[in-house]
Amino acid sequence: SAQIADLQQKLLDADNGDRAKQRWDSIATILEAKCALKYLLGELVSSKVQESKLQSGLQQSQASYSDVQKMLMEERNNIAEMEAEFQNQILVQEQQHQEKV
């Protein structure tokens, strides 16, 4: 049954490919050609609009990523400064303790 289902799917896929080709091959009149051309131009415009939206989204994402990366570097620098300050405080505390002892 799995083989039968696989063969049926292959037949459907082949049939769909042939149908698309037959549609283009069966264009016989100028009116049909105009309709097909109008459809294709509409699809082209739609895909160009979608491409520009995706490109804009990508640019915004890249800008956002850059901002987050800058913030991360600033926070890392702040942490490093705080850690150095903390180490200095520890040294001062140890020295004061040694003096008391």
PDB file of N, CA and C in Angstrom:
ATOM      1  N   SER A   1       0.832  -1.200   0.000  1.00  0.00           N
ATOM      2  CA  SER A   1       0.000   0.000   0.000  1.00  0.00           C
ATOM      3  C   SER A   1       0.869   1.254   0.000  1.00  0.00           C
ATOM      4  N   ALA A   2       2.031   1.189   0.673  1.00  0.00           N
ATOM      5  CA  ALA A   2       2.927   2.341   0.669  1.00  0.00           C
ATOM      6  C   ALA A   2       3.486   2.587  -0.726  1.00  0.00           C
ATOM      7  N   GLN A   3       3.805   1.510  -1.428  1.00  0.00           N
ATOM      8  CA  GLN A   3       4.313   1.651  -2.793  1.00  0.00           C
ATOM      9  C   GLN A   3       3.236   2.202  -3.719  1.00  0.00           C
ATOM     10  N   ILE A   4       2.008   1.737  -3.528  1.00  0.00           N
ATOM     11  CA  ILE A   4       0.896   2.235  -4.348  1.00  0.00           C
ATOM     12  C   ILE A   4       0.687   3.727  -4.094  1.00  0.00           C
ATOM     13  N   ALA A   5       0.704   4.115  -2.833  1.00  0.00           N
ATOM     14  CA  ALA A   5       0.528   5.527  -2.498  1.00  0.00           C
ATOM     15  C   ALA A   5       1.660   6.359  -3.087  1.00  0.00           C
ATOM     16  N   ASP A   6       2.886   5.847  -3.043  1.00  0.00           N
ATOM     17  CA  ASP A   6       4.033   6.546  -3.607  1.00  0.00           C
ATOM     18  C   ASP A   6       3.886   6.717  -5.117  1.00  0.00           C
ATOM     19  N   LEU A   7       3.457   5.649  -5.786  1.00  0.00           N
ATOM     20  CA  LEU A   7       3.258   5.724  -7.235  1.00  0.00           C
ATOM     21  C   LEU A   7       2.138   6.692  -7.595  1.00  0.00           C
ATOM     22  N   GLN A   8       1.044   6.672  -6.805  1.00  0.00           N
ATOM     23  CA  GLN A   8      -0.050   7.606  -7.060  1.00  0.00           C
ATOM     24  C   GLN A   8       0.416   9.047  -6.902  1.00  0.00           C
ATOM     25  N   GLN A   9       1.244   9.311  -5.882  1.00  0.00           N
ATOM     26  CA  GLN A   9       1.760  10.664  -5.670  1.00  0.00           C
ATOM     27  C   GLN A   9       2.651  11.086  -6.827  1.00  0.00           C
ATOM     28  N   LYS A  10       3.477  10.161  -7.321  1.00  0.00           N
ATOM     29  CA  LYS A  10       4.338  10.465  -8.461  1.00  0.00           C
ATOM     30  C   LYS A  10       3.515  10.789  -9.695  1.00  0.00           C
ATOM     31  N   LEU A  11       2.421  10.042  -9.906  1.00  0.00           N
ATOM     32  CA  LEU A  11       1.548  10.326 -11.042  1.00  0.00           C
ATOM     33  C   LEU A  11       0.898  11.698 -10.921  1.00  0.00           C
ATOM     34  N   LEU A  12       0.451  12.047  -9.712  1.00  0.00           N
ATOM     35  CA  LEU A  12      -0.154  13.363  -9.497  1.00  0.00           C
ATOM     36  C   LEU A  12       0.854  14.482  -9.737  1.00  0.00           C
ATOM     37  N   ASP A  13       2.069  14.299  -9.260  1.00  0.00           N
ATOM     38  CA  ASP A  13       3.103  15.313  -9.459  1.00  0.00           C
ATOM     39  C   ASP A  13       3.425  15.478 -10.941  1.00  0.00           C
ATOM     40  N   ALA A  14       3.545  14.373 -11.649  1.00  0.00           N
ATOM     41  CA  ALA A  14       3.827  14.436 -13.082  1.00  0.00           C
ATOM     42  C   ALA A  14       2.674  15.080 -13.830  1.00  0.00           C
ATOM     43  N   ASP A  15       1.445  14.760 -13.422  1.00  0.00           N
ATOM     44  CA  ASP A  15       0.263  15.329 -14.069  1.00  0.00           C
ATOM     45  C   ASP A  15       0.202  16.835 -13.858  1.00  0.00           C
ATOM     46  N   ASN A  16       0.528  17.304 -12.646  1.00  0.00           N
ATOM     47  CA  ASN A  16       0.511  18.745 -12.362  1.00  0.00           C
ATOM     48  C   ASN A  16       1.555  19.478 -13.199  1.00  0.00           C
ATOM     49  N   GLY A  17       2.718  18.892 -13.365  1.00  0.00           N
ATOM     50  CA  GLY A  17       3.763  19.497 -14.185  1.00  0.00           C
ATOM     51  C   GLY A  17       3.347  19.577 -15.641  1.00  0.00           C
ATOM     52  N   ASP A  18       2.693  18.517 -16.118  1.00  0.00           N
ATOM     53  CA  ASP A  18       2.227  18.507 -17.509  1.00  0.00           C
ATOM     54  C   ASP A  18       1.110  19.519 -17.723  1.00  0.00           C
ATOM     55  N   ARG A  19       0.233  19.683 -16.736  1.00  0.00           N
ATOM     56  CA  ARG A  19      -0.873  20.642 -16.864  1.00  0.00           C
ATOM     57  C   ARG A  19      -0.359  22.064 -17.033  1.00  0.00           C
ATOM     58  N   ALA A  20       0.622  22.428 -16.237  1.00  0.00           N
ATOM     59  CA  ALA A  20       1.172  23.777 -16.347  1.00  0.00           C
ATOM     60  C   ALA A  20       1.786  24.000 -17.720  1.00  0.00           C
ATOM     61  N   LYS A  21       2.495  22.991 -18.206  1.00  0.00           N
ATOM     62  CA  LYS A  21       3.106  23.112 -19.518  1.00  0.00           C
ATOM     63  C   LYS A  21       2.045  23.165 -20.603  1.00  0.00           C
ATOM     64  N   GLN A  22       0.991  22.357 -20.446  1.00  0.00           N
ATOM     65  CA  GLN A  22      -0.079  22.347 -21.440  1.00  0.00           C
ATOM     66  C   GLN A  22      -0.816  23.680 -21.473  1.00  0.00           C
ATOM     67  N   ARG A  23      -0.968  24.307 -20.306  1.00  0.00           N
ATOM     68  CA  ARG A  23      -1.636  25.613 -20.287  1.00  0.00           C
ATOM     69  C   ARG A  23      -0.875  26.620 -21.119  1.00  0.00           C
ATOM     70  N   TRP A  24       0.440  26.641 -20.962  1.00  0.00           N
ATOM     71  CA  TRP A  24       1.232  27.595 -21.736  1.00  0.00           C
ATOM     72  C   TRP A  24       1.292  27.192 -23.203  1.00  0.00           C
ATOM     73  N   ASP A  25       1.329  25.917 -23.463  1.00  0.00           N
ATOM     74  CA  ASP A  25       1.373  25.453 -24.851  1.00  0.00           C
ATOM     75  C   ASP A  25       0.042  25.655 -25.561  1.00  0.00           C
ATOM     76  N   SER A  26      -1.040  25.718 -24.800  1.00  0.00           N
ATOM     77  CA  SER A  26      -2.348  25.815 -25.436  1.00  0.00           C
ATOM     78  C   SER A  26      -2.766  27.250 -25.724  1.00  0.00           C
ATOM     79  N   ILE A  27      -1.931  28.229 -25.400  1.00  0.00           N
ATOM     80  CA  ILE A  27      -2.263  29.618 -25.718  1.00  0.00           C
ATOM     81  C   ILE A  27      -2.251  29.762 -27.238  1.00  0.00           C
ATOM     82  N   ALA A  28      -3.413  30.095 -27.767  1.00  0.00           N
ATOM     83  CA  ALA A  28      -3.529  30.143 -29.224  1.00  0.00           C
ATOM     84  C   ALA A  28      -3.940  31.521 -29.732  1.00  0.00           C
ATOM     85  N   THR A  29      -4.528  32.340 -28.898  1.00  0.00           N
ATOM     86  CA  THR A  29      -5.014  33.634 -29.380  1.00  0.00           C
ATOM     87  C   THR A  29      -4.276  34.765 -28.681  1.00  0.00           C
ATOM     88  N   ILE A  30      -4.387  35.917 -29.289  1.00  0.00           N
ATOM     89  CA  ILE A  30      -3.774  37.113 -28.720  1.00  0.00           C
ATOM     90  C   ILE A  30      -4.412  37.433 -27.376  1.00  0.00           C
ATOM     91  N   LEU A  31      -5.718  37.254 -27.263  1.00  0.00           N
ATOM     92  CA  LEU A  31      -6.420  37.534 -26.022  1.00  0.00           C
ATOM     93  C   LEU A  31      -5.897  36.649 -24.890  1.00  0.00           C
ATOM     94  N   GLU A  32      -5.709  35.372 -25.170  1.00  0.00           N
ATOM     95  CA  GLU A  32      -5.165  34.467 -24.153  1.00  0.00           C
ATOM     96  C   GLU A  32      -3.740  34.872 -23.776  1.00  0.00           C
ATOM     97  N   ALA A  33      -2.959  35.280 -24.764  1.00  0.00           N
ATOM     98  CA  ALA A  33      -1.594  35.706 -24.499  1.00  0.00           C
ATOM     99  C   ALA A  33      -1.585  36.974 -23.647  1.00  0.00           C
ATOM    100  N   LYS A  34      -2.504  37.887 -23.945  1.00  0.00           N
ATOM    101  CA  LYS A  34      -2.598  39.124 -23.160  1.00  0.00           C
ATOM    102  C   LYS A  34      -2.971  38.805 -21.708  1.00  0.00           C
ATOM    103  N   CYS A  35      -3.919  37.908 -21.532  1.00  0.00           N
ATOM    104  CA  CYS A  35      -4.325  37.518 -20.181  1.00  0.00           C
ATOM    105  C   CYS A  35      -3.169  36.864 -19.426  1.00  0.00           C
ATOM    106  N   ALA A  36      -2.452  35.995 -20.100  1.00  0.00           N
ATOM    107  CA  ALA A  36      -1.314  35.324 -19.476  1.00  0.00           C
ATOM    108  C   ALA A  36      -0.225  36.337 -19.123  1.00  0.00           C
ATOM    109  N   LEU A  37       0.023  37.264 -20.035  1.00  0.00           N
ATOM    110  CA  LEU A  37       1.031  38.284 -19.783  1.00  0.00           C
ATOM    111  C   LEU A  37       0.618  39.191 -18.629  1.00  0.00           C
ATOM    112  N   LYS A  38      -0.663  39.540 -18.582  1.00  0.00           N
ATOM    113  CA  LYS A  38      -1.175  40.369 -17.489  1.00  0.00           C
ATOM    114  C   LYS A  38      -1.004  39.644 -16.156  1.00  0.00           C
ATOM    115  N   TYR A  39      -1.315  38.369 -16.144  1.00  0.00           N
ATOM    116  CA  TYR A  39      -1.153  37.567 -14.924  1.00  0.00           C
ATOM    117  C   TYR A  39       0.318  37.526 -14.505  1.00  0.00           C
ATOM    118  N   LEU A  40       1.201  37.272 -15.452  1.00  0.00           N
ATOM    119  CA  LEU A  40       2.625  37.188 -15.134  1.00  0.00           C
ATOM    120  C   LEU A  40       3.173  38.518 -14.620  1.00  0.00           C
ATOM    121  N   LEU A  41       2.732  39.617 -15.215  1.00  0.00           N
ATOM    122  CA  LEU A  41       3.180  40.923 -14.748  1.00  0.00           C
ATOM    123  C   LEU A  41       2.658  41.202 -13.341  1.00  0.00           C
ATOM    124  N   GLY A  42       1.436  40.795 -13.067  1.00  0.00           N
ATOM    125  CA  GLY A  42       0.894  40.939 -11.715  1.00  0.00           C
ATOM    126  C   GLY A  42       1.696  40.147 -10.712  1.00  0.00           C
ATOM    127  N   GLU A  43       2.062  38.933 -11.072  1.00  0.00           N
ATOM    128  CA  GLU A  43       2.886  38.103 -10.187  1.00  0.00           C
ATOM    129  C   GLU A  43       4.269  38.724  -9.982  1.00  0.00           C
ATOM    130  N   LEU A  44       4.813  39.308 -11.051  1.00  0.00           N
ATOM    131  CA  LEU A  44       6.116  39.958 -10.955  1.00  0.00           C
ATOM    132  C   LEU A  44       6.060  41.143  -9.997  1.00  0.00           C
ATOM    133  N   VAL A  45       5.036  41.967 -10.138  1.00  0.00           N
ATOM    134  CA  VAL A  45       4.882  43.128  -9.252  1.00  0.00           C
ATOM    135  C   VAL A  45       4.706  42.661  -7.813  1.00  0.00           C
ATOM    136  N   SER A  46       3.887  41.649  -7.627  1.00  0.00           N
ATOM    137  CA  SER A  46       3.660  41.121  -6.284  1.00  0.00           C
ATOM    138  C   SER A  46       4.958  40.612  -5.664  1.00  0.00           C
ATOM    139  N   SER A  47       5.739  39.902  -6.438  1.00  0.00           N
ATOM    140  CA  SER A  47       6.997  39.374  -5.902  1.00  0.00           C
ATOM    141  C   SER A  47       8.002  40.494  -5.629  1.00  0.00           C
ATOM    142  N   LYS A  48       8.008  41.536  -6.461  1.00  0.00           N
ATOM    143  CA  LYS A  48       8.898  42.671  -6.218  1.00  0.00           C
ATOM    144  C   LYS A  48       8.515  43.404  -4.936  1.00  0.00           C
ATOM    145  N   VAL A  49       7.208  43.574  -4.709  1.00  0.00           N
ATOM    146  CA  VAL A  49       6.737  44.221  -3.485  1.00  0.00           C
ATOM    147  C   VAL A  49       7.134  43.388  -2.274  1.00  0.00           C
ATOM    148  N   GLN A  50       6.928  42.091  -2.375  1.00  0.00           N
ATOM    149  CA  GLN A  50       7.298  41.209  -1.270  1.00  0.00           C
ATOM    150  C   GLN A  50       8.805  41.246  -1.034  1.00  0.00           C
ATOM    151  N   GLU A  51       9.584  41.285  -2.105  1.00  0.00           N
ATOM    152  CA  GLU A  51      11.034  41.350  -1.961  1.00  0.00           C
ATOM    153  C   GLU A  51      11.450  42.634  -1.258  1.00  0.00           C
ATOM    154  N   SER A  52      10.837  43.758  -1.629  1.00  0.00           N
ATOM    155  CA  SER A  52      11.212  45.025  -0.998  1.00  0.00           C
ATOM    156  C   SER A  52      10.819  45.031   0.482  1.00  0.00           C
ATOM    157  N   LYS A  53       9.675  44.428   0.824  1.00  0.00           N
ATOM    158  CA  LYS A  53       9.279  44.334   2.231  1.00  0.00           C
ATOM    159  C   LYS A  53      10.268  43.482   3.010  1.00  0.00           C
ATOM    160  N   LEU A  54      10.657  42.360   2.434  1.00  0.00           N
ATOM    161  CA  LEU A  54      11.616  41.482   3.102  1.00  0.00           C
ATOM    162  C   LEU A  54      12.974  42.165   3.245  1.00  0.00           C
ATOM    163  N   GLN A  55      13.375  42.912   2.219  1.00  0.00           N
ATOM    164  CA  GLN A  55      14.650  43.630   2.268  1.00  0.00           C
ATOM    165  C   GLN A  55      14.613  44.687   3.364  1.00  0.00           C
ATOM    166  N   SER A  56      13.499  45.391   3.464  1.00  0.00           N
ATOM    167  CA  SER A  56      13.343  46.402   4.507  1.00  0.00           C
ATOM    168  C   SER A  56      13.383  45.759   5.889  1.00  0.00           C
ATOM    169  N   GLY A  57      12.690  44.653   6.043  1.00  0.00           N
ATOM    170  CA  GLY A  57      12.712  43.922   7.314  1.00  0.00           C
ATOM    171  C   GLY A  57      14.115  43.460   7.669  1.00  0.00           C
ATOM    172  N   LEU A  58      14.852  43.008   6.679  1.00  0.00           N
ATOM    173  CA  LEU A  58      16.228  42.567   6.901  1.00  0.00           C
ATOM    174  C   LEU A  58      17.093  43.733   7.365  1.00  0.00           C
ATOM    175  N   GLN A  59      16.945  44.885   6.730  1.00  0.00           N
ATOM    176  CA  GLN A  59      17.733  46.055   7.121  1.00  0.00           C
ATOM    177  C   GLN A  59      17.395  46.492   8.542  1.00  0.00           C
ATOM    178  N   GLN A  60      16.115  46.455   8.893  1.00  0.00           N
ATOM    179  CA  GLN A  60      15.721  46.806  10.248  1.00  0.00           C
ATOM    180  C   GLN A  60      16.295  45.820  11.257  1.00  0.00           C
ATOM    181  N   SER A  61      16.268  44.543  10.906  1.00  0.00           N
ATOM    182  CA  SER A  61      16.821  43.519  11.793  1.00  0.00           C
ATOM    183  C   SER A  61      18.324  43.703  11.970  1.00  0.00           C
ATOM    184  N   GLN A  62      18.996  44.045  10.882  1.00  0.00           N
ATOM    185  CA  GLN A  62      20.439  44.265  10.974  1.00  0.00           C
ATOM    186  C   GLN A  62      20.749  45.474  11.845  1.00  0.00           C
ATOM    187  N   ALA A  63      19.965  46.546  11.710  1.00  0.00           N
ATOM    188  CA  ALA A  63      20.166  47.734  12.536  1.00  0.00           C
ATOM    189  C   ALA A  63      19.903  47.401  14.002  1.00  0.00           C
ATOM    190  N   SER A  64      18.858  46.649  14.251  1.00  0.00           N
ATOM    191  CA  SER A  64      18.530  46.249  15.620  1.00  0.00           C
ATOM    192  C   SER A  64      19.640  45.376  16.194  1.00  0.00           C
ATOM    193  N   TYR A  65      20.136  44.460  15.412  1.00  0.00           N
ATOM    194  CA  TYR A  65      21.235  43.592  15.847  1.00  0.00           C
ATOM    195  C   TYR A  65      22.459  44.424  16.192  1.00  0.00           C
ATOM    196  N   SER A  66      22.756  45.415  15.357  1.00  0.00           N
ATOM    197  CA  SER A  66      23.905  46.281  15.600  1.00  0.00           C
ATOM    198  C   SER A  66      23.742  47.042  16.916  1.00  0.00           C
ATOM    199  N   ASP A  67      22.531  47.551  17.162  1.00  0.00           N
ATOM    200  CA  ASP A  67      22.265  48.265  18.410  1.00  0.00           C
ATOM    201  C   ASP A  67      22.432  47.351  19.623  1.00  0.00           C
ATOM    202  N   VAL A  68      21.904  46.156  19.522  1.00  0.00           N
ATOM    203  CA  VAL A  68      22.011  45.208  20.631  1.00  0.00           C
ATOM    204  C   VAL A  68      23.470  44.833  20.865  1.00  0.00           C
ATOM    205  N   GLN A  69      24.201  44.684  19.797  1.00  0.00           N
ATOM    206  CA  GLN A  69      25.614  44.333  19.926  1.00  0.00           C
ATOM    207  C   GLN A  69      26.386  45.473  20.613  1.00  0.00           C
ATOM    208  N   LYS A  70      26.064  46.722  20.271  1.00  0.00           N
ATOM    209  CA  LYS A  70      26.713  47.862  20.926  1.00  0.00           C
ATOM    210  C   LYS A  70      26.377  47.884  22.414  1.00  0.00           C
ATOM    211  N   MET A  71      25.105  47.667  22.738  1.00  0.00           N
ATOM    212  CA  MET A  71      24.696  47.648  24.135  1.00  0.00           C
ATOM    213  C   MET A  71      25.413  46.545  24.901  1.00  0.00           C
ATOM    214  N   LEU A  72      25.566  45.390  24.264  1.00  0.00           N
ATOM    215  CA  LEU A  72      26.259  44.270  24.901  1.00  0.00           C
ATOM    216  C   LEU A  72      27.710  44.629  25.184  1.00  0.00           C
ATOM    217  N   MET A  73      28.374  45.260  24.247  1.00  0.00           N
ATOM    218  CA  MET A  73      29.769  45.660  24.454  1.00  0.00           C
ATOM    219  C   MET A  73      29.873  46.690  25.577  1.00  0.00           C
ATOM    220  N   GLU A  74      28.939  47.635  25.632  1.00  0.00           N
ATOM    221  CA  GLU A  74      28.950  48.621  26.705  1.00  0.00           C
ATOM    222  C   GLU A  74      28.755  47.951  28.063  1.00  0.00           C
ATOM    223  N   GLU A  75      27.837  46.997  28.121  1.00  0.00           N
ATOM    224  CA  GLU A  75      27.595  46.291  29.376  1.00  0.00           C
ATOM    225  C   GLU A  75      28.811  45.466  29.782  1.00  0.00           C
ATOM    226  N   ARG A  76      29.459  44.852  28.820  1.00  0.00           N
ATOM    227  CA  ARG A  76      30.676  44.094  29.130  1.00  0.00           C
ATOM    228  C   ARG A  76      31.758  45.015  29.685  1.00  0.00           C
ATOM    229  N   ASN A  77      31.880  46.196  29.078  1.00  0.00           N
ATOM    230  CA  ASN A  77      32.865  47.158  29.576  1.00  0.00           C
ATOM    231  C   ASN A  77      32.512  47.604  30.990  1.00  0.00           C
ATOM    232  N   ASN A  78      31.215  47.851  31.227  1.00  0.00           N
ATOM    233  CA  ASN A  78      30.786  48.242  32.573  1.00  0.00           C
ATOM    234  C   ASN A  78      31.087  47.148  33.586  1.00  0.00           C
ATOM    235  N   ILE A  79      30.819  45.919  33.212  1.00  0.00           N
ATOM    236  CA  ILE A  79      31.093  44.792  34.117  1.00  0.00           C
ATOM    237  C   ILE A  79      32.586  44.693  34.397  1.00  0.00           C
ATOM    238  N   ALA A  80      33.407  44.877  33.375  1.00  0.00           N
ATOM    239  CA  ALA A  80      34.858  44.808  33.565  1.00  0.00           C
ATOM    240  C   ALA A  80      35.317  45.912  34.508  1.00  0.00           C
ATOM    241  N   GLU A  81      34.767  47.116  34.344  1.00  0.00           N
ATOM    242  CA  GLU A  81      35.134  48.226  35.229  1.00  0.00           C
ATOM    243  C   GLU A  81      34.693  47.943  36.662  1.00  0.00           C
ATOM    244  N   MET A  82      33.475  47.437  36.819  1.00  0.00           N
ATOM    245  CA  MET A  82      32.973  47.120  38.152  1.00  0.00           C
ATOM    246  C   MET A  82      33.806  46.030  38.801  1.00  0.00           C
ATOM    247  N   GLU A  83      34.204  45.043  38.005  1.00  0.00           N
ATOM    248  CA  GLU A  83      35.027  43.953  38.537  1.00  0.00           C
ATOM    249  C   GLU A  83      36.396  44.471  38.988  1.00  0.00           C
ATOM    250  N   ALA A  84      36.974  45.376  38.180  1.00  0.00           N
ATOM    251  CA  ALA A  84      38.268  45.951  38.565  1.00  0.00           C
ATOM    252  C   ALA A  84      38.120  46.762  39.849  1.00  0.00           C
ATOM    253  N   GLU A  85      37.032  47.531  39.937  1.00  0.00           N
ATOM    254  CA  GLU A  85      36.779  48.316  41.143  1.00  0.00           C
ATOM    255  C   GLU A  85      36.580  47.402  42.353  1.00  0.00           C
ATOM    256  N   PHE A  86      35.866  46.327  42.157  1.00  0.00           N
ATOM    257  CA  PHE A  86      35.635  45.362  43.230  1.00  0.00           C
ATOM    258  C   PHE A  86      36.945  44.742  43.691  1.00  0.00           C
ATOM    259  N   GLN A  87      37.811  44.396  42.754  1.00  0.00           N
ATOM    260  CA  GLN A  87      39.115  43.817  43.103  1.00  0.00           C
ATOM    261  C   GLN A  87      39.949  44.826  43.899  1.00  0.00           C
ATOM    262  N   ASN A  88      39.870  46.096  43.495  1.00  0.00           N
ATOM    263  CA  ASN A  88      40.595  47.137  44.241  1.00  0.00           C
ATOM    264  C   ASN A  88      40.053  47.252  45.663  1.00  0.00           C
ATOM    265  N   GLN A  89      38.750  47.204  45.810  1.00  0.00           N
ATOM    266  CA  GLN A  89      38.140  47.273  47.130  1.00  0.00           C
ATOM    267  C   GLN A  89      38.561  46.085  47.987  1.00  0.00           C
ATOM    268  N   ILE A  90      38.632  44.920  47.384  1.00  0.00           N
ATOM    269  CA  ILE A  90      39.080  43.727  48.112  1.00  0.00           C
ATOM    270  C   ILE A  90      40.520  43.916  48.587  1.00  0.00           C
ATOM    271  N   LEU A  91      41.384  44.450  47.727  1.00  0.00           N
ATOM    272  CA  LEU A  91      42.777  44.683  48.114  1.00  0.00           C
ATOM    273  C   LEU A  91      42.863  45.681  49.263  1.00  0.00           C
ATOM    274  N   VAL A  92      42.080  46.741  49.179  1.00  0.00           N
ATOM    275  CA  VAL A  92      42.082  47.742  50.251  1.00  0.00           C
ATOM    276  C   VAL A  92      41.604  47.105  51.542  1.00  0.00           C
ATOM    277  N   GLN A  93      40.546  46.311  51.493  1.00  0.00           N
ATOM    278  CA  GLN A  93      40.022  45.647  52.690  1.00  0.00           C
ATOM    279  C   GLN A  93      41.068  44.694  53.278  1.00  0.00           C
ATOM    280  N   GLU A  94      41.752  43.951  52.408  1.00  0.00           N
ATOM    281  CA  GLU A  94      42.781  43.028  52.886  1.00  0.00           C
ATOM    282  C   GLU A  94      43.931  43.781  53.547  1.00  0.00           C
ATOM    283  N   GLN A  95      44.332  44.894  52.950  1.00  0.00           N
ATOM    284  CA  GLN A  95      45.415  45.691  53.526  1.00  0.00           C
ATOM    285  C   GLN A  95      45.002  46.251  54.898  1.00  0.00           C
ATOM    286  N   GLN A  96      43.778  46.761  54.985  1.00  0.00           N
ATOM    287  CA  GLN A  96      43.298  47.269  56.251  1.00  0.00           C
ATOM    288  C   GLN A  96      43.233  46.169  57.295  1.00  0.00           C
ATOM    289  N   HIS A  97      42.818  45.004  56.896  1.00  0.00           N
ATOM    290  CA  HIS A  97      42.766  43.877  57.819  1.00  0.00           C
ATOM    291  C   HIS A  97      44.163  43.484  58.294  1.00  0.00           C
ATOM    292  N   GLN A  98      45.124  43.472  57.359  1.00  0.00           N
ATOM    293  CA  GLN A  98      46.493  43.127  57.725  1.00  0.00           C
ATOM    294  C   GLN A  98      47.067  44.158  58.690  1.00  0.00           C
ATOM    295  N   GLU A  99      46.741  45.415  58.465  1.00  0.00           N
ATOM    296  CA  GLU A  99      47.230  46.460  59.366  1.00  0.00           C
ATOM    297  C   GLU A  99      46.644  46.297  60.766  1.00  0.00           C
ATOM    298  N   LYS A 100      45.352  45.946  60.824  1.00  0.00           N
ATOM    299  CA  LYS A 100      44.707  45.738  62.122  1.00  0.00           C
ATOM    300  C   LYS A 100      45.291  44.545  62.851  1.00  0.00           C
ATOM    301  N   VAL A 101      45.595  43.494  62.085  1.00  0.00           N
ATOM    302  CA  VAL A 101      46.136  42.284  62.704  1.00  0.00           C
ATOM    303  C   VAL A 101      47.510  42.585  63.192  1.00  0.00           C
TER     304      VAL A 101
END
